[in-house]
mmCIF file of all heavy atoms, coordinates in Angstrom:
data_MODEL
# 
_entry.id   MODEL 
# 
loop_
_atom_site.group_PDB 
_atom_site.id 
_atom_site.type_symbol 
_atom_site.label_atom_id 
_atom_site.label_alt_id 
_atom_site.label_comp_id 
_atom_site.label_asym_id 
_atom_site.label_entity_id 
_atom_site.label_seq_id 
_atom_site.pdbx_PDB_ins_code 
_atom_site.Cartn_x 
_atom_site.Cartn_y 
_atom_site.Cartn_z 
_atom_site.occupancy 
_atom_site.B_iso_or_equiv 
_atom_site.pdbx_formal_charge 
_atom_site.auth_seq_id 
_atom_site.auth_comp_id 
_atom_site.auth_asym_id 
_atom_site.auth_atom_id 
_atom_site.pdbx_PDB_model_num 
ATOM 1   N N   . GLU A 1 1  ? -13.232 -171.567 58.513 1.00 0.00 ? 1  GLU A N   1 
ATOM 2   C CA  . GLU A 1 1  ? -14.227 -171.853 59.547 1.00 0.00 ? 1  GLU A CA  1 
ATOM 3   C C   . GLU A 1 1  ? -13.546 -171.759 60.914 1.00 0.00 ? 1  GLU A C   1 
ATOM 4   O O   . GLU A 1 1  ? -12.318 -171.762 61.011 1.00 0.00 ? 1  GLU A O   1 
ATOM 5   C CB  . GLU A 1 1  ? -14.836 -173.250 59.369 1.00 0.00 ? 1  GLU A CB  1 
ATOM 6   C CG  . GLU A 1 1  ? -15.901 -173.331 58.314 1.00 0.00 ? 1  GLU A CG  1 
ATOM 7   C CD  . GLU A 1 1  ? -17.136 -172.484 58.581 1.00 0.00 ? 1  GLU A CD  1 
ATOM 8   O OE1 . GLU A 1 1  ? -17.385 -172.084 59.740 1.00 0.00 ? 1  GLU A OE1 1 
ATOM 9   O OE2 . GLU A 1 1  ? -17.855 -172.196 57.612 1.00 0.00 ? 1  GLU A OE2 1 
ATOM 10  N N   . SER A 1 2  ? -14.357 -171.717 61.956 1.00 0.00 ? 2  SER A N   1 
ATOM 11  C CA  . SER A 1 2  ? -13.801 -171.652 63.309 1.00 0.00 ? 2  SER A CA  1 
ATOM 12  C C   . SER A 1 2  ? -14.029 -172.933 64.090 1.00 0.00 ? 2  SER A C   1 
ATOM 13  O O   . SER A 1 2  ? -13.383 -173.163 65.092 1.00 0.00 ? 2  SER A O   1 
ATOM 14  C CB  . SER A 1 2  ? -14.418 -170.475 64.070 1.00 0.00 ? 2  SER A CB  1 
ATOM 15  O OG  . SER A 1 2  ? -15.800 -170.688 64.228 1.00 0.00 ? 2  SER A OG  1 
ATOM 16  N N   . ASP A 1 3  ? -14.931 -173.767 63.624 1.00 0.00 ? 3  ASP A N   1 
ATOM 17  C CA  . ASP A 1 3  ? -15.273 -175.002 64.328 1.00 0.00 ? 3  ASP A CA  1 
ATOM 18  C C   . ASP A 1 3  ? -14.772 -176.196 63.528 1.00 0.00 ? 3  ASP A C   1 
ATOM 19  O O   . ASP A 1 3  ? -15.144 -176.359 62.358 1.00 0.00 ? 3  ASP A O   1 
ATOM 20  C CB  . ASP A 1 3  ? -16.793 -175.071 64.498 1.00 0.00 ? 3  ASP A CB  1 
ATOM 21  C CG  . ASP A 1 3  ? -17.243 -176.271 65.307 1.00 0.00 ? 3  ASP A CG  1 
ATOM 22  O OD1 . ASP A 1 3  ? -16.942 -177.414 64.900 1.00 0.00 ? 3  ASP A OD1 1 
ATOM 23  O OD2 . ASP A 1 3  ? -17.911 -176.064 66.327 1.00 0.00 ? 3  ASP A OD2 1 
ATOM 24  N N   . PRO A 1 4  ? -13.945 -177.053 64.141 1.00 0.00 ? 4  PRO A N   1 
ATOM 25  C CA  . PRO A 1 4  ? -13.395 -178.187 63.397 1.00 0.00 ? 4  PRO A CA  1 
ATOM 26  C C   . PRO A 1 4  ? -14.446 -179.174 62.903 1.00 0.00 ? 4  PRO A C   1 
ATOM 27  O O   . PRO A 1 4  ? -14.280 -179.764 61.830 1.00 0.00 ? 4  PRO A O   1 
ATOM 28  C CB  . PRO A 1 4  ? -12.433 -178.854 64.379 1.00 0.00 ? 4  PRO A CB  1 
ATOM 29  C CG  . PRO A 1 4  ? -12.690 -178.248 65.701 1.00 0.00 ? 4  PRO A CG  1 
ATOM 30  C CD  . PRO A 1 4  ? -13.435 -176.977 65.506 1.00 0.00 ? 4  PRO A CD  1 
ATOM 31  N N   . LEU A 1 5  ? -15.539 -179.360 63.642 1.00 0.00 ? 5  LEU A N   1 
ATOM 32  C CA  . LEU A 1 5  ? -16.590 -180.277 63.185 1.00 0.00 ? 5  LEU A CA  1 
ATOM 33  C C   . LEU A 1 5  ? -17.273 -179.749 61.930 1.00 0.00 ? 5  LEU A C   1 
ATOM 34  O O   . LEU A 1 5  ? -17.533 -180.494 60.987 1.00 0.00 ? 5  LEU A O   1 
ATOM 35  C CB  . LEU A 1 5  ? -17.628 -180.493 64.289 1.00 0.00 ? 5  LEU A CB  1 
ATOM 36  C CG  . LEU A 1 5  ? -17.170 -181.306 65.489 1.00 0.00 ? 5  LEU A CG  1 
ATOM 37  C CD1 . LEU A 1 5  ? -18.249 -181.323 66.565 1.00 0.00 ? 5  LEU A CD1 1 
ATOM 38  C CD2 . LEU A 1 5  ? -16.810 -182.716 65.073 1.00 0.00 ? 5  LEU A CD2 1 
ATOM 39  N N   . ILE A 1 6  ? -17.548 -178.455 61.913 1.00 0.00 ? 6  ILE A N   1 
ATOM 40  C CA  . ILE A 1 6  ? -18.177 -177.852 60.740 1.00 0.00 ? 6  ILE A CA  1 
ATOM 41  C C   . ILE A 1 6  ? -17.225 -177.889 59.551 1.00 0.00 ? 6  ILE A C   1 
ATOM 42  O O   . ILE A 1 6  ? -17.615 -178.230 58.430 1.00 0.00 ? 6  ILE A O   1 
ATOM 43  C CB  . ILE A 1 6  ? -18.635 -176.409 61.051 1.00 0.00 ? 6  ILE A CB  1 
ATOM 44  C CG1 . ILE A 1 6  ? -19.783 -176.449 62.067 1.00 0.00 ? 6  ILE A CG1 1 
ATOM 45  C CG2 . ILE A 1 6  ? -19.056 -175.687 59.778 1.00 0.00 ? 6  ILE A CG2 1 
ATOM 46  C CD1 . ILE A 1 6  ? -20.207 -175.103 62.602 1.00 0.00 ? 6  ILE A CD1 1 
ATOM 47  N N   . ALA A 1 7  ? -15.955 -177.594 59.791 1.00 0.00 ? 7  ALA A N   1 
ATOM 48  C CA  . ALA A 1 7  ? -14.959 -177.625 58.714 1.00 0.00 ? 7  ALA A CA  1 
ATOM 49  C C   . ALA A 1 7  ? -14.861 -179.018 58.104 1.00 0.00 ? 7  ALA A C   1 
ATOM 50  O O   . ALA A 1 7  ? -14.800 -179.177 56.883 1.00 0.00 ? 7  ALA A O   1 
ATOM 51  C CB  . ALA A 1 7  ? -13.601 -177.172 59.243 1.00 0.00 ? 7  ALA A CB  1 
ATOM 52  N N   . ARG A 1 8  ? -14.866 -180.047 58.948 1.00 0.00 ? 8  ARG A N   1 
ATOM 53  C CA  . ARG A 1 8  ? -14.781 -181.423 58.452 1.00 0.00 ? 8  ARG A CA  1 
ATOM 54  C C   . ARG A 1 8  ? -16.019 -181.786 57.628 1.00 0.00 ? 8  ARG A C   1 
ATOM 55  O O   . ARG A 1 8  ? -15.926 -182.397 56.566 1.00 0.00 ? 8  ARG A O   1 
ATOM 56  C CB  . ARG A 1 8  ? -14.616 -182.409 59.602 1.00 0.00 ? 8  ARG A CB  1 
ATOM 57  C CG  . ARG A 1 8  ? -14.433 -183.840 59.148 1.00 0.00 ? 8  ARG A CG  1 
ATOM 58  C CD  . ARG A 1 8  ? -14.095 -184.753 60.324 1.00 0.00 ? 8  ARG A CD  1 
ATOM 59  N NE  . ARG A 1 8  ? -13.708 -186.060 59.869 1.00 0.00 ? 8  ARG A NE  1 
ATOM 60  C CZ  . ARG A 1 8  ? -14.554 -187.043 59.585 1.00 0.00 ? 8  ARG A CZ  1 
ATOM 61  N NH1 . ARG A 1 8  ? -15.845 -186.850 59.691 1.00 0.00 ? 8  ARG A NH1 1 
ATOM 62  N NH2 . ARG A 1 8  ? -14.116 -188.222 59.188 1.00 0.00 ? 8  ARG A NH2 1 
ATOM 63  N N   . ALA A 1 9  ? -17.186 -181.378 58.118 1.00 0.00 ? 9  ALA A N   1 
ATOM 64  C CA  . ALA A 1 9  ? -18.430 -181.666 57.392 1.00 0.00 ? 9  ALA A CA  1 
ATOM 65  C C   . ALA A 1 9  ? -18.428 -180.974 56.032 1.00 0.00 ? 9  ALA A C   1 
ATOM 66  O O   . ALA A 1 9  ? -18.831 -181.565 55.028 1.00 0.00 ? 9  ALA A O   1 
ATOM 67  C CB  . ALA A 1 9  ? -19.630 -181.221 58.220 1.00 0.00 ? 9  ALA A CB  1 
ATOM 68  N N   . GLU A 1 10 ? -17.956 -179.737 55.976 1.00 0.00 ? 10 GLU A N   1 
ATOM 69  C CA  . GLU A 1 10 ? -17.912 -179.009 54.713 1.00 0.00 ? 10 GLU A CA  1 
ATOM 70  C C   . GLU A 1 10 ? -16.918 -179.643 53.747 1.00 0.00 ? 10 GLU A C   1 
ATOM 71  O O   . GLU A 1 10 ? -17.186 -179.734 52.551 1.00 0.00 ? 10 GLU A O   1 
ATOM 72  C CB  . GLU A 1 10 ? -17.579 -177.538 54.961 1.00 0.00 ? 10 GLU A CB  1 
ATOM 73  C CG  . GLU A 1 10 ? -18.721 -176.803 55.611 1.00 0.00 ? 10 GLU A CG  1 
ATOM 74  C CD  . GLU A 1 10 ? -18.393 -175.394 56.036 1.00 0.00 ? 10 GLU A CD  1 
ATOM 75  O OE1 . GLU A 1 10 ? -17.206 -175.002 56.019 1.00 0.00 ? 10 GLU A OE1 1 
ATOM 76  O OE2 . GLU A 1 10 ? -19.339 -174.678 56.396 1.00 0.00 ? 10 GLU A OE2 1 
ATOM 77  N N   . ALA A 1 11 ? -15.784 -180.086 54.266 1.00 0.00 ? 11 ALA A N   1 
ATOM 78  C CA  . ALA A 1 11 ? -14.790 -180.739 53.411 1.00 0.00 ? 11 ALA A CA  1 
ATOM 79  C C   . ALA A 1 11 ? -15.365 -182.009 52.791 1.00 0.00 ? 11 ALA A C   1 
ATOM 80  O O   . ALA A 1 11 ? -15.113 -182.304 51.616 1.00 0.00 ? 11 ALA A O   1 
ATOM 81  C CB  . ALA A 1 11 ? -13.525 -181.033 54.215 1.00 0.00 ? 11 ALA A CB  1 
ATOM 82  N N   . LYS A 1 12 ? -16.160 -182.762 53.547 1.00 0.00 ? 12 LYS A N   1 
ATOM 83  C CA  . LYS A 1 12 ? -16.803 -183.962 53.004 1.00 0.00 ? 12 LYS A CA  1 
ATOM 84  C C   . LYS A 1 12 ? -17.775 -183.607 51.894 1.00 0.00 ? 12 LYS A C   1 
ATOM 85  O O   . LYS A 1 12 ? -17.822 -184.262 50.859 1.00 0.00 ? 12 LYS A O   1 
ATOM 86  C CB  . LYS A 1 12 ? -17.533 -184.735 54.112 1.00 0.00 ? 12 LYS A CB  1 
ATOM 87  C CG  . LYS A 1 12 ? -16.617 -185.557 54.984 1.00 0.00 ? 12 LYS A CG  1 
ATOM 88  C CD  . LYS A 1 12 ? -17.355 -186.194 56.131 1.00 0.00 ? 12 LYS A CD  1 
ATOM 89  C CE  . LYS A 1 12 ? -18.380 -187.192 55.701 1.00 0.00 ? 12 LYS A CE  1 
ATOM 90  N NZ  . LYS A 1 12 ? -19.000 -187.909 56.831 1.00 0.00 ? 12 LYS A NZ  1 
ATOM 91  N N   . LEU A 1 13 ? -18.555 -182.538 52.100 1.00 0.00 ? 13 LEU A N   1 
ATOM 92  C CA  . LEU A 1 13 ? -19.518 -182.119 51.086 1.00 0.00 ? 13 LEU A CA  1 
ATOM 93  C C   . LEU A 1 13 ? -18.813 -181.646 49.818 1.00 0.00 ? 13 LEU A C   1 
ATOM 94  O O   . LEU A 1 13 ? -19.297 -181.876 48.706 1.00 0.00 ? 13 LEU A O   1 
ATOM 95  C CB  . LEU A 1 13 ? -20.417 -181.005 51.632 1.00 0.00 ? 13 LEU A CB  1 
ATOM 96  C CG  . LEU A 1 13 ? -21.403 -181.407 52.728 1.00 0.00 ? 13 LEU A CG  1 
ATOM 97  C CD1 . LEU A 1 13 ? -22.104 -180.177 53.294 1.00 0.00 ? 13 LEU A CD1 1 
ATOM 98  C CD2 . LEU A 1 13 ? -22.413 -182.422 52.227 1.00 0.00 ? 13 LEU A CD2 1 
ATOM 99  N N   . LEU A 1 14 ? -17.670 -180.995 49.974 1.00 0.00 ? 14 LEU A N   1 
ATOM 100 C CA  . LEU A 1 14 ? -16.914 -180.506 48.819 1.00 0.00 ? 14 LEU A CA  1 
ATOM 101 C C   . LEU A 1 14 ? -16.524 -181.620 47.862 1.00 0.00 ? 14 LEU A C   1 
ATOM 102 O O   . LEU A 1 14 ? -16.384 -181.394 46.655 1.00 0.00 ? 14 LEU A O   1 
ATOM 103 C CB  . LEU A 1 14 ? -15.645 -179.785 49.278 1.00 0.00 ? 14 LEU A CB  1 
ATOM 104 C CG  . LEU A 1 14 ? -15.814 -178.342 49.685 1.00 0.00 ? 14 LEU A CG  1 
ATOM 105 C CD1 . LEU A 1 14 ? -14.542 -177.825 50.335 1.00 0.00 ? 14 LEU A CD1 1 
ATOM 106 C CD2 . LEU A 1 14 ? -16.183 -177.495 48.495 1.00 0.00 ? 14 LEU A CD2 1 
ATOM 107 N N   . ASN A 1 15 ? -16.342 -182.817 48.389 1.00 0.00 ? 15 ASN A N   1 
ATOM 108 C CA  . ASN A 1 15 ? -15.973 -183.955 47.546 1.00 0.00 ? 15 ASN A CA  1 
ATOM 109 C C   . ASN A 1 15 ? -17.107 -184.422 46.649 1.00 0.00 ? 15 ASN A C   1 
ATOM 110 O O   . ASN A 1 15 ? -16.902 -185.235 45.769 1.00 0.00 ? 15 ASN A O   1 
ATOM 111 C CB  . ASN A 1 15 ? -15.514 -185.134 48.414 1.00 0.00 ? 15 ASN A CB  1 
ATOM 112 C CG  . ASN A 1 15 ? -14.195 -184.859 49.078 1.00 0.00 ? 15 ASN A CG  1 
ATOM 113 O OD1 . ASN A 1 15 ? -13.351 -184.136 48.556 1.00 0.00 ? 15 ASN A OD1 1 
ATOM 114 N ND2 . ASN A 1 15 ? -14.006 -185.427 50.267 1.00 0.00 ? 15 ASN A ND2 1 
ATOM 115 N N   . ARG A 1 16 ? -18.317 -183.897 46.863 1.00 0.00 ? 16 ARG A N   1 
ATOM 116 C CA  . ARG A 1 16 ? -19.489 -184.356 46.128 1.00 0.00 ? 16 ARG A CA  1 
ATOM 117 C C   . ARG A 1 16 ? -19.937 -183.370 45.055 1.00 0.00 ? 16 ARG A C   1 
ATOM 118 O O   . ARG A 1 16 ? -21.021 -183.498 44.512 1.00 0.00 ? 16 ARG A O   1 
ATOM 119 C CB  . ARG A 1 16 ? -20.656 -184.632 47.088 1.00 0.00 ? 16 ARG A CB  1 
ATOM 120 C CG  . ARG A 1 16 ? -20.352 -185.505 48.291 1.00 0.00 ? 16 ARG A CG  1 
ATOM 121 C CD  . ARG A 1 16 ? -19.674 -186.834 48.040 1.00 0.00 ? 16 ARG A CD  1 
ATOM 122 N NE  . ARG A 1 16 ? -20.107 -187.528 46.858 1.00 0.00 ? 16 ARG A NE  1 
ATOM 123 C CZ  . ARG A 1 16 ? -19.332 -188.381 46.171 1.00 0.00 ? 16 ARG A CZ  1 
ATOM 124 N NH1 . ARG A 1 16 ? -18.112 -188.632 46.555 1.00 0.00 ? 16 ARG A NH1 1 
ATOM 125 N NH2 . ARG A 1 16 ? -19.790 -188.976 45.096 1.00 0.00 ? 16 ARG A NH2 1 
ATOM 126 N N   . THR A 1 17 ? -19.129 -182.341 44.779 1.00 0.00 ? 17 THR A N   1 
ATOM 127 C CA  . THR A 1 17 ? -19.563 -181.318 43.826 1.00 0.00 ? 17 THR A CA  1 
ATOM 128 C C   . THR A 1 17 ? -18.451 -180.906 42.876 1.00 0.00 ? 17 THR A C   1 
ATOM 129 O O   . THR A 1 17 ? -17.270 -181.068 43.171 1.00 0.00 ? 17 THR A O   1 
ATOM 130 C CB  . THR A 1 17 ? -20.087 -180.064 44.567 1.00 0.00 ? 17 THR A CB  1 
ATOM 131 O OG1 . THR A 1 17 ? -20.682 -179.179 43.618 1.00 0.00 ? 17 THR A OG1 1 
ATOM 132 C CG2 . THR A 1 17 ? -18.981 -179.346 45.311 1.00 0.00 ? 17 THR A CG2 1 
ATOM 133 N N   . GLU A 1 18 ? -18.872 -180.370 41.742 1.00 0.00 ? 18 GLU A N   1 
ATOM 134 C CA  . GLU A 1 18 ? -17.927 -179.876 40.744 1.00 0.00 ? 18 GLU A CA  1 
ATOM 135 C C   . GLU A 1 18 ? -17.613 -178.398 40.963 1.00 0.00 ? 18 GLU A C   1 
ATOM 136 O O   . GLU A 1 18 ? -16.497 -177.959 40.764 1.00 0.00 ? 18 GLU A O   1 
ATOM 137 C CB  . GLU A 1 18 ? -18.543 -180.027 39.341 1.00 0.00 ? 18 GLU A CB  1 
ATOM 138 C CG  . GLU A 1 18 ? -18.885 -181.452 38.986 1.00 0.00 ? 18 GLU A CG  1 
ATOM 139 C CD  . GLU A 1 18 ? -19.805 -181.528 37.774 1.00 0.00 ? 18 GLU A CD  1 
ATOM 140 O OE1 . GLU A 1 18 ? -19.931 -180.541 37.029 1.00 0.00 ? 18 GLU A OE1 1 
ATOM 141 O OE2 . GLU A 1 18 ? -20.411 -182.596 37.588 1.00 0.00 ? 18 GLU A OE2 1 
ATOM 142 N N   . ARG A 1 19 ? -18.611 -177.625 41.359 1.00 0.00 ? 19 ARG A N   1 
ATOM 143 C CA  . ARG A 1 19 ? -18.480 -176.167 41.415 1.00 0.00 ? 19 ARG A CA  1 
ATOM 144 C C   . ARG A 1 19 ? -18.834 -175.657 42.804 1.00 0.00 ? 19 ARG A C   1 
ATOM 145 O O   . ARG A 1 19 ? -19.928 -175.925 43.300 1.00 0.00 ? 19 ARG A O   1 
ATOM 146 C CB  . ARG A 1 19 ? -19.411 -175.555 40.369 1.00 0.00 ? 19 ARG A CB  1 
ATOM 147 C CG  . ARG A 1 19 ? -19.331 -174.080 40.263 1.00 0.00 ? 19 ARG A CG  1 
ATOM 148 C CD  . ARG A 1 19 ? -20.176 -173.567 39.102 1.00 0.00 ? 19 ARG A CD  1 
ATOM 149 N NE  . ARG A 1 19 ? -20.199 -172.116 39.150 1.00 0.00 ? 19 ARG A NE  1 
ATOM 150 C CZ  . ARG A 1 19 ? -21.184 -171.371 38.713 1.00 0.00 ? 19 ARG A CZ  1 
ATOM 151 N NH1 . ARG A 1 19 ? -22.240 -171.937 38.152 1.00 0.00 ? 19 ARG A NH1 1 
ATOM 152 N NH2 . ARG A 1 19 ? -21.128 -170.067 38.801 1.00 0.00 ? 19 ARG A NH2 1 
ATOM 153 N N   . LEU A 1 20 ? -17.920 -174.900 43.422 1.00 0.00 ? 20 LEU A N   1 
ATOM 154 C CA  . LEU A 1 20 ? -18.150 -174.331 44.748 1.00 0.00 ? 20 LEU A CA  1 
ATOM 155 C C   . LEU A 1 20 ? -18.487 -172.849 44.620 1.00 0.00 ? 20 LEU A C   1 
ATOM 156 O O   . LEU A 1 20 ? -17.717 -172.074 44.047 1.00 0.00 ? 20 LEU A O   1 
ATOM 157 C CB  . LEU A 1 20 ? -16.921 -174.505 45.634 1.00 0.00 ? 20 LEU A CB  1 
ATOM 158 C CG  . LEU A 1 20 ? -16.997 -173.840 47.011 1.00 0.00 ? 20 LEU A CG  1 
ATOM 159 C CD1 . LEU A 1 20 ? -18.168 -174.398 47.832 1.00 0.00 ? 20 LEU A CD1 1 
ATOM 160 C CD2 . LEU A 1 20 ? -15.679 -174.023 47.754 1.00 0.00 ? 20 LEU A CD2 1 
ATOM 161 N N   . ILE A 1 21 ? -19.628 -172.482 45.184 1.00 0.00 ? 21 ILE A N   1 
ATOM 162 C CA  . ILE A 1 21 ? -20.086 -171.098 45.196 1.00 0.00 ? 21 ILE A CA  1 
ATOM 163 C C   . ILE A 1 21 ? -20.157 -170.664 46.660 1.00 0.00 ? 21 ILE A C   1 
ATOM 164 O O   . ILE A 1 21 ? -20.907 -171.235 47.447 1.00 0.00 ? 21 ILE A O   1 
ATOM 165 C CB  . ILE A 1 21 ? -21.457 -170.957 44.509 1.00 0.00 ? 21 ILE A CB  1 
ATOM 166 C CG1 . ILE A 1 21 ? -21.352 -171.472 43.058 1.00 0.00 ? 21 ILE A CG1 1 
ATOM 167 C CG2 . ILE A 1 21 ? -21.952 -169.519 44.574 1.00 0.00 ? 21 ILE A CG2 1 
ATOM 168 C CD1 . ILE A 1 21 ? -22.668 -171.723 42.387 1.00 0.00 ? 21 ILE A CD1 1 
ATOM 169 N N   . VAL A 1 22 ? -19.339 -169.675 47.023 1.00 0.00 ? 22 VAL A N   1 
ATOM 170 C CA  . VAL A 1 22 ? -19.248 -169.219 48.407 1.00 0.00 ? 22 VAL A CA  1 
ATOM 171 C C   . VAL A 1 22 ? -20.075 -167.954 48.570 1.00 0.00 ? 22 VAL A C   1 
ATOM 172 O O   . VAL A 1 22 ? -19.930 -167.000 47.806 1.00 0.00 ? 22 VAL A O   1 
ATOM 173 C CB  . VAL A 1 22 ? -17.774 -168.970 48.811 1.00 0.00 ? 22 VAL A CB  1 
ATOM 174 C CG1 . VAL A 1 22 ? -17.689 -168.495 50.255 1.00 0.00 ? 22 VAL A CG1 1 
ATOM 175 C CG2 . VAL A 1 22 ? -16.952 -170.240 48.628 1.00 0.00 ? 22 VAL A CG2 1 
ATOM 176 N N   . LEU A 1 23 ? -20.954 -167.966 49.575 1.00 0.00 ? 23 LEU A N   1 
ATOM 177 C CA  . LEU A 1 23 ? -21.847 -166.844 49.862 1.00 0.00 ? 23 LEU A CA  1 
ATOM 178 C C   . LEU A 1 23 ? -21.359 -166.158 51.131 1.00 0.00 ? 23 LEU A C   1 
ATOM 179 O O   . LEU A 1 23 ? -21.455 -166.725 52.214 1.00 0.00 ? 23 LEU A O   1 
ATOM 180 C CB  . LEU A 1 23 ? -23.283 -167.335 50.064 1.00 0.00 ? 23 LEU A CB  1 
ATOM 181 C CG  . LEU A 1 23 ? -23.821 -168.341 49.045 1.00 0.00 ? 23 LEU A CG  1 
ATOM 182 C CD1 . LEU A 1 23 ? -25.247 -168.756 49.405 1.00 0.00 ? 23 LEU A CD1 1 
ATOM 183 C CD2 . LEU A 1 23 ? -23.751 -167.795 47.641 1.00 0.00 ? 23 LEU A CD2 1 
ATOM 184 N N   . VAL A 1 24 ? -20.815 -164.944 50.978 1.00 0.00 ? 24 VAL A N   1 
ATOM 185 C CA  . VAL A 1 24 ? -20.264 -164.239 52.131 1.00 0.00 ? 24 VAL A CA  1 
ATOM 186 C C   . VAL A 1 24 ? -20.600 -162.748 52.052 1.00 0.00 ? 24 VAL A C   1 
ATOM 187 O O   . VAL A 1 24 ? -20.394 -162.124 51.031 1.00 0.00 ? 24 VAL A O   1 
ATOM 188 C CB  . VAL A 1 24 ? -18.733 -164.409 52.244 1.00 0.00 ? 24 VAL A CB  1 
ATOM 189 C CG1 . VAL A 1 24 ? -18.372 -165.802 52.723 1.00 0.00 ? 24 VAL A CG1 1 
ATOM 190 C CG2 . VAL A 1 24 ? -18.027 -164.101 50.936 1.00 0.00 ? 24 VAL A CG2 1 
ATOM 191 N N   . ASP A 1 25 ? -21.113 -162.218 53.153 1.00 0.00 ? 25 ASP A N   1 
ATOM 192 C CA  . ASP A 1 25 ? -21.316 -160.774 53.182 1.00 0.00 ? 25 ASP A CA  1 
ATOM 193 C C   . ASP A 1 25 ? -19.967 -160.106 53.430 1.00 0.00 ? 25 ASP A C   1 
ATOM 194 O O   . ASP A 1 25 ? -18.984 -160.772 53.771 1.00 0.00 ? 25 ASP A O   1 
ATOM 195 C CB  . ASP A 1 25 ? -22.372 -160.373 54.221 1.00 0.00 ? 25 ASP A CB  1 
ATOM 196 C CG  . ASP A 1 25 ? -21.924 -160.624 55.643 1.00 0.00 ? 25 ASP A CG  1 
ATOM 197 O OD1 . ASP A 1 25 ? -20.956 -159.975 56.085 1.00 0.00 ? 25 ASP A OD1 1 
ATOM 198 O OD2 . ASP A 1 25 ? -22.553 -161.464 56.325 1.00 0.00 ? 25 ASP A OD2 1 
ATOM 199 N N   . SER A 1 26 ? -19.920 -158.798 53.252 1.00 0.00 ? 26 SER A N   1 
ATOM 200 C CA  . SER A 1 26 ? -18.649 -158.074 53.295 1.00 0.00 ? 26 SER A CA  1 
ATOM 201 C C   . SER A 1 26 ? -17.928 -158.187 54.634 1.00 0.00 ? 26 SER A C   1 
ATOM 202 O O   . SER A 1 26 ? -16.703 -158.079 54.685 1.00 0.00 ? 26 SER A O   1 
ATOM 203 C CB  . SER A 1 26 ? -18.863 -156.608 52.928 1.00 0.00 ? 26 SER A CB  1 
ATOM 204 O OG  . SER A 1 26 ? -19.854 -156.019 53.738 1.00 0.00 ? 26 SER A OG  1 
ATOM 205 N N   . SER A 1 27 ? -18.637 -158.443 55.714 1.00 0.00 ? 27 SER A N   1 
ATOM 206 C CA  . SER A 1 27 ? -17.976 -158.589 57.015 1.00 0.00 ? 27 SER A CA  1 
ATOM 207 C C   . SER A 1 27 ? -17.106 -159.845 57.082 1.00 0.00 ? 27 SER A C   1 
ATOM 208 O O   . SER A 1 27 ? -16.211 -159.942 57.928 1.00 0.00 ? 27 SER A O   1 
ATOM 209 C CB  . SER A 1 27 ? -19.010 -158.621 58.144 1.00 0.00 ? 27 SER A CB  1 
ATOM 210 O OG  . SER A 1 27 ? -19.712 -159.856 58.146 1.00 0.00 ? 27 SER A OG  1 
ATOM 211 N N   . LYS A 1 28 ? -17.335 -160.811 56.203 1.00 0.00 ? 28 LYS A N   1 
ATOM 212 C CA  . LYS A 1 28 ? -16.597 -162.085 56.239 1.00 0.00 ? 28 LYS A CA  1 
ATOM 213 C C   . LYS A 1 28 ? -15.203 -161.984 55.618 1.00 0.00 ? 28 LYS A C   1 
ATOM 214 O O   . LYS A 1 28 ? -14.456 -162.951 55.617 1.00 0.00 ? 28 LYS A O   1 
ATOM 215 C CB  . LYS A 1 28 ? -17.387 -163.178 55.528 1.00 0.00 ? 28 LYS A CB  1 
ATOM 216 C CG  . LYS A 1 28 ? -18.793 -163.385 56.062 1.00 0.00 ? 28 LYS A CG  1 
ATOM 217 C CD  . LYS A 1 28 ? -18.795 -163.971 57.445 1.00 0.00 ? 28 LYS A CD  1 
ATOM 218 C CE  . LYS A 1 28 ? -20.184 -164.117 58.001 1.00 0.00 ? 28 LYS A CE  1 
ATOM 219 N NZ  . LYS A 1 28 ? -20.769 -165.404 57.878 1.00 0.00 ? 28 LYS A NZ  1 
ATOM 220 N N   . PHE A 1 29 ? -14.844 -160.812 55.086 1.00 0.00 ? 29 PHE A N   1 
ATOM 221 C CA  . PHE A 1 29 ? -13.523 -160.648 54.494 1.00 0.00 ? 29 PHE A CA  1 
ATOM 222 C C   . PHE A 1 29 ? -12.479 -160.239 55.521 1.00 0.00 ? 29 PHE A C   1 
ATOM 223 O O   . PHE A 1 29 ? -11.319 -160.072 55.189 1.00 0.00 ? 29 PHE A O   1 
ATOM 224 C CB  . PHE A 1 29 ? -13.573 -159.629 53.346 1.00 0.00 ? 29 PHE A CB  1 
ATOM 225 C CG  . PHE A 1 29 ? -14.256 -160.177 52.120 1.00 0.00 ? 29 PHE A CG  1 
ATOM 226 C CD1 . PHE A 1 29 ? -15.598 -159.953 51.891 1.00 0.00 ? 29 PHE A CD1 1 
ATOM 227 C CD2 . PHE A 1 29 ? -13.545 -160.930 51.205 1.00 0.00 ? 29 PHE A CD2 1 
ATOM 228 C CE1 . PHE A 1 29 ? -16.226 -160.460 50.767 1.00 0.00 ? 29 PHE A CE1 1 
ATOM 229 C CE2 . PHE A 1 29 ? -14.170 -161.452 50.072 1.00 0.00 ? 29 PHE A CE2 1 
ATOM 230 C CZ  . PHE A 1 29 ? -15.507 -161.213 49.856 1.00 0.00 ? 29 PHE A CZ  1 
ATOM 231 N N   . ARG A 1 30 ? -12.876 -160.099 56.773 1.00 0.00 ? 30 ARG A N   1 
ATOM 232 C CA  . ARG A 1 30 ? -11.914 -159.827 57.844 1.00 0.00 ? 30 ARG A CA  1 
ATOM 233 C C   . ARG A 1 30 ? -11.326 -161.154 58.296 1.00 0.00 ? 30 ARG A C   1 
ATOM 234 O O   . ARG A 1 30 ? -12.058 -162.116 58.538 1.00 0.00 ? 30 ARG A O   1 
ATOM 235 C CB  . ARG A 1 30 ? -12.600 -159.140 59.024 1.00 0.00 ? 30 ARG A CB  1 
ATOM 236 C CG  . ARG A 1 30 ? -12.853 -157.671 58.766 1.00 0.00 ? 30 ARG A CG  1 
ATOM 237 C CD  . ARG A 1 30 ? -13.443 -156.990 59.984 1.00 0.00 ? 30 ARG A CD  1 
ATOM 238 N NE  . ARG A 1 30 ? -14.872 -156.789 59.679 1.00 0.00 ? 30 ARG A NE  1 
ATOM 239 C CZ  . ARG A 1 30 ? -15.865 -157.202 60.431 1.00 0.00 ? 30 ARG A CZ  1 
ATOM 240 N NH1 . ARG A 1 30 ? -15.643 -157.840 61.544 1.00 0.00 ? 30 ARG A NH1 1 
ATOM 241 N NH2 . ARG A 1 30 ? -17.108 -156.969 60.073 1.00 0.00 ? 30 ARG A NH2 1 
# 
């Protein structure tokens, strides 16, 4: 991520799940 607030919020959400599914179009691999 590029924004620390968004990164922190996502890290908190990650603690609440078993399986992470990342949705990224091909431009996000740069």
